[in-house]
Amino acid sequence: MTLIVVGPALAQTTLQTKRGNENLRKYCTGDALSFCSGIDPDDKKMDSCFKEHRSELSENCRRAIDAYQASGGK
């Protein structure tokens, strides 16, 4: 799984990352702050965190992740 979200330091600014897409940033930012705070959004640890908290993620975030994976990570 490859996803991207913003970390706490980037939550109020434009995301500067090399991974993910606009829908992941739009729908998963809050989940990243809630469940994966302190993890660099470009770090593969973010993927592990999201896998660990999959059942707790918002519906929109889960859908964005599913769509991102279905598109081959684009």
Protein backbone atom coordinates (compact mmCIF):
# COMPACT_ATOMS: atom_id res chain seq x y z
CA MET A 1 0.00 0.00 0.00
CA THR A 2 1.31 3.42 -0.88
CA LEU A 3 -0.47 6.44 0.47
CA ILE A 4 0.31 9.90 1.51
CA VAL A 5 -1.11 12.26 4.01
CA VAL A 6 0.13 15.33 5.77
CA GLY A 7 1.87 15.34 9.08
CA PRO A 8 1.08 17.78 11.89
CA ALA A 9 3.65 20.34 10.78
CA LEU A 10 2.09 20.53 7.31
CA ALA A 11 -1.57 20.47 8.25
CA GLN A 12 -2.04 24.21 7.85
CA THR A 13 0.05 24.61 4.71
CA THR A 14 0.21 23.22 1.22
CA LEU A 15 1.42 19.66 1.27
CA GLN A 16 4.99 19.31 0.06
CA THR A 17 5.34 15.59 -0.55
CA LYS A 18 6.36 13.19 -3.27
CA ARG A 19 3.72 10.52 -2.57
CA GLY A 20 -0.03 10.24 -2.91
CA ASN A 21 -2.59 12.33 -4.73
CA GLU A 22 -5.01 15.17 -4.09
CA ASN A 23 -7.82 12.93 -2.81
CA LEU A 24 -5.57 11.31 -0.23
CA ARG A 25 -4.46 14.74 0.97
CA LYS A 26 -8.04 16.01 1.01
CA TYR A 27 -9.70 13.09 2.75
CA CYS A 28 -6.95 11.59 4.91
CA THR A 29 -5.25 14.59 6.51
CA GLY A 30 -7.43 14.52 9.63
CA ASP A 31 -6.96 10.77 10.02
CA ALA A 32 -3.19 11.18 9.70
CA LEU A 33 -3.22 13.80 12.42
CA SER A 34 -5.42 11.66 14.66
CA PHE A 35 -3.74 8.29 14.24
CA CYS A 36 -0.26 8.85 12.77
CA SER A 37 0.89 12.15 14.22
CA GLY A 38 4.63 12.61 14.10
CA ILE A 39 5.25 10.34 11.12
CA ASP A 40 6.76 11.96 8.04
CA PRO A 41 4.17 11.69 5.24
CA ASP A 42 6.91 10.53 2.83
CA ASP A 43 7.96 7.71 5.17
CA LYS A 44 6.71 4.18 4.48
CA LYS A 45 5.82 4.05 8.21
CA MET A 46 2.78 6.14 7.29
CA ASP A 47 1.49 3.21 5.21
CA SER A 48 1.92 0.87 8.18
CA CYS A 49 0.14 3.29 10.48
CA PHE A 50 -2.82 3.54 8.11
CA LYS A 51 -2.97 -0.26 7.80
CA GLU A 52 -2.93 -0.56 11.59
CA HIS A 53 -5.77 1.94 11.97
CA ARG A 54 -7.75 0.97 8.85
CA SER A 55 -10.96 0.21 10.77
CA GLU A 56 -10.76 3.58 12.55
CA LEU A 57 -10.20 5.73 9.45
CA SER A 58 -12.99 7.90 8.13
CA GLU A 59 -15.09 6.42 5.34
CA ASN A 60 -13.88 9.07 2.89
CA CYS A 61 -10.26 8.33 3.69
CA ARG A 62 -10.76 4.58 3.24
CA ARG A 63 -12.43 5.25 -0.11
CA ALA A 64 -9.58 7.53 -1.19
CA ILE A 65 -7.06 4.85 -0.27
CA ASP A 66 -9.01 2.17 -2.15
CA ALA A 67 -9.29 4.38 -5.26
CA TYR A 68 -5.60 5.25 -5.11
CA GLN A 69 -4.63 1.58 -4.88
CA ALA A 70 -7.06 0.60 -7.67
CA SER A 71 -5.48 3.22 -9.95
CA GLY A 72 -2.04 1.73 -9.42
CA GLY A 73 -0.93 4.52 -7.13
CA LYS A 74 -1.78 7.44 -9.39
